[in-house]
Amino acid sequence: MSRVKRIPSNGTIHLSGLMCGQHRSEVIADVKRQLERGQPVRVISTQLVEAGVDVDFPVVYRALTGLDSIAQAAGRCNREGKLSEMGRVVIFVPPKPAPIGHLRQAQDCGRQLLQQRLGAPLSPEHFITYFRQLYWKKGEVFQFIKLKAPGSIL
């Protein structure tokens, strides 16, 4: 609770998939307006903004999780390329681990991969390694299936 009290209320907005659809749409529109005006805005959100919400922040903070979710969150940072420099994505370790199951397995795989510091963390090669590790933890066989559409080159 003490951490939440330290977050400035001015310009801080909460977004969640549990919000009423209309209210959520209004809040997202308000966030976009503030960003367009260059006003400071902090959005504390569930995974809602990781897919399907088109917003562009100069800085994104994301709790450690699977590489796929980190990539989705990073996609909200300098999305439109308006900044003169790259945007900033900060991955932090939350005070408690993810719940046991898929989320914890994804978090563990993401942590292992990011700790290796092997070049660009969101490179395609890292995703191959990430999903191999994740499916191995899940006890499932991960196979690469190449589908070739007529006339395509794979």
C-alpha atoms as a PDB file:
ATOM      1  CA  MET A   1       0.000   0.000   0.000  1.00  0.00           C
ATOM      2  CA  SER A   2       2.790   2.468   0.815  1.00  0.00           C
ATOM      3  CA  ARG A   3       4.168   2.242  -2.744  1.00  0.00           C
ATOM      4  CA  VAL A   4       0.794   3.110  -4.234  1.00  0.00           C
ATOM      5  CA  LYS A   5       0.553   6.172  -1.993  1.00  0.00           C
ATOM      6  CA  ARG A   6       3.872   7.454  -3.378  1.00  0.00           C
ATOM      7  CA  ILE A   7       2.590   7.561  -6.968  1.00  0.00           C
ATOM      8  CA  PRO A   8       1.566  11.135  -7.808  1.00  0.00           C
ATOM      9  CA  SER A   9      -2.164  11.282  -8.468  1.00  0.00           C
ATOM     10  CA  ASN A  10      -1.907  14.192 -10.913  1.00  0.00           C
ATOM     11  CA  GLY A  11      -1.648  12.682 -14.391  1.00  0.00           C
ATOM     12  CA  THR A  12      -1.805   9.079 -13.150  1.00  0.00           C
ATOM     13  CA  ILE A  13      -4.429   6.865 -14.753  1.00  0.00           C
ATOM     14  CA  HIS A  14      -5.494   3.287 -14.121  1.00  0.00           C
ATOM     15  CA  LEU A  15      -6.532   0.947 -16.953  1.00  0.00           C
ATOM     16  CA  SER A  16      -7.840  -2.574 -16.550  1.00  0.00           C
ATOM     17  CA  GLY A  17      -9.712  -5.149 -18.586  1.00  0.00           C
ATOM     18  CA  LEU A  18     -12.155  -5.322 -15.669  1.00  0.00           C
ATOM     19  CA  MET A  19     -13.364  -1.783 -16.382  1.00  0.00           C
ATOM     20  CA  CYS A  20     -16.659  -1.261 -18.163  1.00  0.00           C
ATOM     21  CA  GLY A  21     -15.974  -1.124 -21.915  1.00  0.00           C
ATOM     22  CA  GLN A  22     -17.341   2.401 -22.315  1.00  0.00           C
ATOM     23  CA  HIS A  23     -15.354   3.732 -19.359  1.00  0.00           C
ATOM     24  CA  ARG A  24     -12.191   2.011 -20.604  1.00  0.00           C
ATOM     25  CA  SER A  25     -12.642   3.583 -24.078  1.00  0.00           C
ATOM     26  CA  GLU A  26     -13.111   7.032 -22.534  1.00  0.00           C
ATOM     27  CA  VAL A  27      -9.985   6.636 -20.390  1.00  0.00           C
ATOM     28  CA  ILE A  28      -7.911   5.462 -23.383  1.00  0.00           C
ATOM     29  CA  ALA A  29      -9.144   8.452 -25.430  1.00  0.00           C
ATOM     30  CA  ASP A  30      -8.163  10.766 -22.554  1.00  0.00           C
ATOM     31  CA  VAL A  31      -4.690   9.177 -22.365  1.00  0.00           C
ATOM     32  CA  LYS A  32      -4.213   9.695 -26.106  1.00  0.00           C
ATOM     33  CA  ARG A  33      -5.277  13.348 -25.836  1.00  0.00           C
ATOM     34  CA  GLN A  34      -2.824  13.975 -23.013  1.00  0.00           C
ATOM     35  CA  LEU A  35       0.007  12.290 -24.916  1.00  0.00           C
ATOM     36  CA  GLU A  36      -0.766  14.307 -28.063  1.00  0.00           C
ATOM     37  CA  ARG A  37      -0.625  17.540 -26.029  1.00  0.00           C
ATOM     38  CA  GLY A  38       2.696  16.521 -24.501  1.00  0.00           C
ATOM     39  CA  GLN A  39       1.187  16.483 -21.020  1.00  0.00           C
ATOM     40  CA  PRO A  40       2.710  14.186 -18.415  1.00  0.00           C
ATOM     41  CA  VAL A  41       0.642  11.039 -18.057  1.00  0.00           C
ATOM     42  CA  ARG A  42       1.369   7.863 -16.144  1.00  0.00           C
ATOM     43  CA  VAL A  43      -0.738   4.816 -16.914  1.00  0.00           C
ATOM     44  CA  ILE A  44      -0.806   1.927 -14.499  1.00  0.00           C
ATOM     45  CA  SER A  45      -2.333  -0.933 -16.394  1.00  0.00           C
ATOM     46  CA  THR A  46      -2.919  -4.618 -16.585  1.00  0.00           C
ATOM     47  CA  GLN A  47      -1.854  -6.437 -19.755  1.00  0.00           C
ATOM     48  CA  LEU A  48      -4.735  -4.618 -21.435  1.00  0.00           C
ATOM     49  CA  VAL A  49      -2.376  -2.147 -23.142  1.00  0.00           C
ATOM     50  CA  GLU A  50      -0.060  -4.850 -24.459  1.00  0.00           C
ATOM     51  CA  ALA A  51      -2.290  -5.682 -27.409  1.00  0.00           C
ATOM     52  CA  GLY A  52      -5.083  -3.856 -29.136  1.00  0.00           C
ATOM     53  CA  VAL A  53      -4.541  -0.439 -27.545  1.00  0.00           C
ATOM     54  CA  ASP A  54      -2.722   2.003 -29.805  1.00  0.00           C
ATOM     55  CA  VAL A  55      -0.823   4.345 -27.485  1.00  0.00           C
ATOM     56  CA  ASP A  56       2.689   5.753 -27.727  1.00  0.00           C
ATOM     57  CA  PHE A  57       4.700   6.435 -24.553  1.00  0.00           C
ATOM     58  CA  PRO A  58       8.283   7.739 -24.321  1.00  0.00           C
ATOM     59  CA  VAL A  59       9.013   5.338 -21.425  1.00  0.00           C
ATOM     60  CA  VAL A  60       7.475   1.969 -20.555  1.00  0.00           C
ATOM     61  CA  TYR A  61       7.985   0.119 -17.267  1.00  0.00           C
ATOM     62  CA  ARG A  62       7.079  -3.577 -17.296  1.00  0.00           C
ATOM     63  CA  ALA A  63       7.290  -6.199 -14.580  1.00  0.00           C
ATOM     64  CA  LEU A  64       9.491  -9.140 -15.507  1.00  0.00           C
ATOM     65  CA  THR A  65       7.459 -11.657 -17.475  1.00  0.00           C
ATOM     66  CA  GLY A  66       7.666 -13.771 -20.595  1.00  0.00           C
ATOM     67  CA  LEU A  67       9.524 -12.370 -23.580  1.00  0.00           C
ATOM     68  CA  ASP A  68       6.325 -12.230 -25.649  1.00  0.00           C
ATOM     69  CA  SER A  69       4.614  -9.961 -23.105  1.00  0.00           C
ATOM     70  CA  ILE A  70       7.722  -7.799 -22.783  1.00  0.00           C
ATOM     71  CA  ALA A  71       7.724  -7.345 -26.569  1.00  0.00           C
ATOM     72  CA  GLN A  72       4.055  -6.344 -26.525  1.00  0.00           C
ATOM     73  CA  ALA A  73       4.690  -3.754 -23.803  1.00  0.00           C
ATOM     74  CA  ALA A  74       7.805  -2.479 -25.619  1.00  0.00           C
ATOM     75  CA  GLY A  75       5.605  -1.952 -28.665  1.00  0.00           C
ATOM     76  CA  ARG A  76       3.931   0.900 -26.781  1.00  0.00           C
ATOM     77  CA  CYS A  77       7.217   2.789 -26.460  1.00  0.00           C
ATOM     78  CA  ASN A  78       7.942   5.355 -29.191  1.00  0.00           C
ATOM     79  CA  ARG A  79       5.464   3.406 -31.302  1.00  0.00           C
ATOM     80  CA  GLU A  80       5.062   6.229 -33.799  1.00  0.00           C
ATOM     81  CA  GLY A  81       8.768   7.148 -33.928  1.00  0.00           C
ATOM     82  CA  LYS A  82       8.155  10.750 -32.901  1.00  0.00           C
ATOM     83  CA  LEU A  83      11.005  10.891 -30.384  1.00  0.00           C
ATOM     84  CA  SER A  84      14.393  12.091 -31.607  1.00  0.00           C
ATOM     85  CA  GLU A  85      15.976   9.157 -29.755  1.00  0.00           C
ATOM     86  CA  MET A  86      14.888   5.628 -28.990  1.00  0.00           C
ATOM     87  CA  GLY A  87      12.213   5.238 -26.334  1.00  0.00           C
ATOM     88  CA  ARG A  88      13.101   3.606 -23.041  1.00  0.00           C
ATOM     89  CA  VAL A  89      11.798   0.246 -21.801  1.00  0.00           C
ATOM     90  CA  VAL A  90      12.570  -0.699 -18.205  1.00  0.00           C
ATOM     91  CA  ILE A  91      11.990  -4.248 -16.995  1.00  0.00           C
ATOM     92  CA  PHE A  92      11.778  -4.520 -13.208  1.00  0.00           C
ATOM     93  CA  VAL A  93      11.566  -7.510 -10.896  1.00  0.00           C
ATOM     94  CA  PRO A  94       8.277  -7.363  -8.982  1.00  0.00           C
ATOM     95  CA  PRO A  95       8.294  -7.944  -5.210  1.00  0.00           C
ATOM     96  CA  LYS A  96       6.429 -11.245  -5.620  1.00  0.00           C
ATOM     97  CA  PRO A  97       6.883 -13.865  -8.345  1.00  0.00           C
ATOM     98  CA  ALA A  98       4.092 -14.576 -10.812  1.00  0.00           C
ATOM     99  CA  PRO A  99       1.519 -17.191  -9.711  1.00  0.00           C
ATOM    100  CA  ILE A 100       2.516 -20.827 -10.162  1.00  0.00           C
ATOM    101  CA  GLY A 101       1.662 -22.147 -13.617  1.00  0.00           C
ATOM    102  CA  HIS A 102       2.058 -20.619 -17.063  1.00  0.00           C
ATOM    103  CA  LEU A 103       2.776 -17.067 -15.849  1.00  0.00           C
ATOM    104  CA  ARG A 104       5.573 -18.254 -13.531  1.00  0.00           C
ATOM    105  CA  GLN A 105       7.051 -20.488 -16.235  1.00  0.00           C
ATOM    106  CA  ALA A 106       7.026 -17.588 -18.711  1.00  0.00           C
ATOM    107  CA  GLN A 107       8.564 -15.258 -16.124  1.00  0.00           C
ATOM    108  CA  ASP A 108      11.332 -17.762 -15.345  1.00  0.00           C
ATOM    109  CA  CYS A 109      12.148 -18.257 -19.035  1.00  0.00           C
ATOM    110  CA  GLY A 110      12.150 -14.501 -19.613  1.00  0.00           C
ATOM    111  CA  ARG A 111      14.463 -13.967 -16.647  1.00  0.00           C
ATOM    112  CA  GLN A 112      16.908 -16.660 -17.788  1.00  0.00           C
ATOM    113  CA  LEU A 113      17.095 -15.247 -21.283  1.00  0.00           C
ATOM    114  CA  LEU A 114      17.451 -11.593 -20.255  1.00  0.00           C
ATOM    115  CA  GLN A 115      20.172 -12.420 -17.709  1.00  0.00           C
ATOM    116  CA  GLN A 116      22.318 -13.853 -20.504  1.00  0.00           C
ATOM    117  CA  ARG A 117      22.528 -10.399 -22.162  1.00  0.00           C
ATOM    118  CA  LEU A 118      23.095 -11.822 -25.627  1.00  0.00           C
ATOM    119  CA  GLY A 119      22.647  -8.905 -28.005  1.00  0.00           C
ATOM    120  CA  ALA A 120      19.221  -7.426 -28.761  1.00  0.00           C
ATOM    121  CA  PRO A 121      16.815  -8.928 -26.198  1.00  0.00           C
ATOM    122  CA  LEU A 122      13.859  -8.974 -28.605  1.00  0.00           C
ATOM    123  CA  SER A 123      15.660 -10.541 -31.567  1.00  0.00           C
ATOM    124  CA  PRO A 124      13.947 -13.422 -33.410  1.00  0.00           C
ATOM    125  CA  GLU A 125      16.667 -15.830 -32.218  1.00  0.00           C
ATOM    126  CA  HIS A 126      15.838 -15.048 -28.607  1.00  0.00           C
ATOM    127  CA  PHE A 127      12.164 -15.784 -29.220  1.00  0.00           C
ATOM    128  CA  ILE A 128      13.054 -19.200 -30.628  1.00  0.00           C
ATOM    129  CA  THR A 129      15.109 -19.935 -27.505  1.00  0.00           C
ATOM    130  CA  TYR A 130      12.422 -18.500 -25.230  1.00  0.00           C
ATOM    131  CA  PHE A 131       9.612 -20.628 -26.658  1.00  0.00           C
ATOM    132  CA  ARG A 132      11.771 -23.758 -26.693  1.00  0.00           C
ATOM    133  CA  GLN A 133      12.515 -23.259 -22.988  1.00  0.00           C
ATOM    134  CA  LEU A 134       8.920 -22.406 -22.165  1.00  0.00           C
ATOM    135  CA  TYR A 135       7.444 -25.437 -23.886  1.00  0.00           C
ATOM    136  CA  TRP A 136      10.149 -27.666 -22.400  1.00  0.00           C
ATOM    137  CA  LYS A 137       9.111 -26.443 -18.923  1.00  0.00           C
ATOM    138  CA  LYS A 138       5.512 -27.184 -19.820  1.00  0.00           C
ATOM    139  CA  GLY A 139       6.529 -30.712 -20.801  1.00  0.00           C
ATOM    140  CA  GLU A 140       5.383 -30.211 -24.368  1.00  0.00           C
ATOM    141  CA  VAL A 141       7.301 -30.901 -27.531  1.00  0.00           C
ATOM    142  CA  PHE A 142       7.985 -27.713 -29.441  1.00  0.00           C
ATOM    143  CA  GLN A 143       8.318 -28.285 -33.129  1.00  0.00           C
ATOM    144  CA  PHE A 144       8.875 -25.765 -35.847  1.00  0.00           C
ATOM    145  CA  ILE A 145       6.190 -26.223 -38.447  1.00  0.00           C
ATOM    146  CA  LYS A 146       6.787 -24.471 -41.726  1.00  0.00           C
ATOM    147  CA  LEU A 147       3.693 -23.887 -43.763  1.00  0.00           C
ATOM    148  CA  LYS A 148       4.301 -23.014 -47.345  1.00  0.00           C
ATOM    149  CA  ALA A 149       1.606 -21.141 -49.199  1.00  0.00           C
ATOM    150  CA  PRO A 150       1.486 -21.614 -52.964  1.00  0.00           C
ATOM    151  CA  GLY A 151       4.018 -19.303 -54.589  1.00  0.00           C
ATOM    152  CA  SER A 152       5.744 -18.333 -51.304  1.00  0.00           C
ATOM    153  CA  ILE A 153       9.394 -18.787 -50.464  1.00  0.00           C
ATOM    154  CA  LEU A 154      10.297 -20.260 -47.070  1.00  0.00           C
END
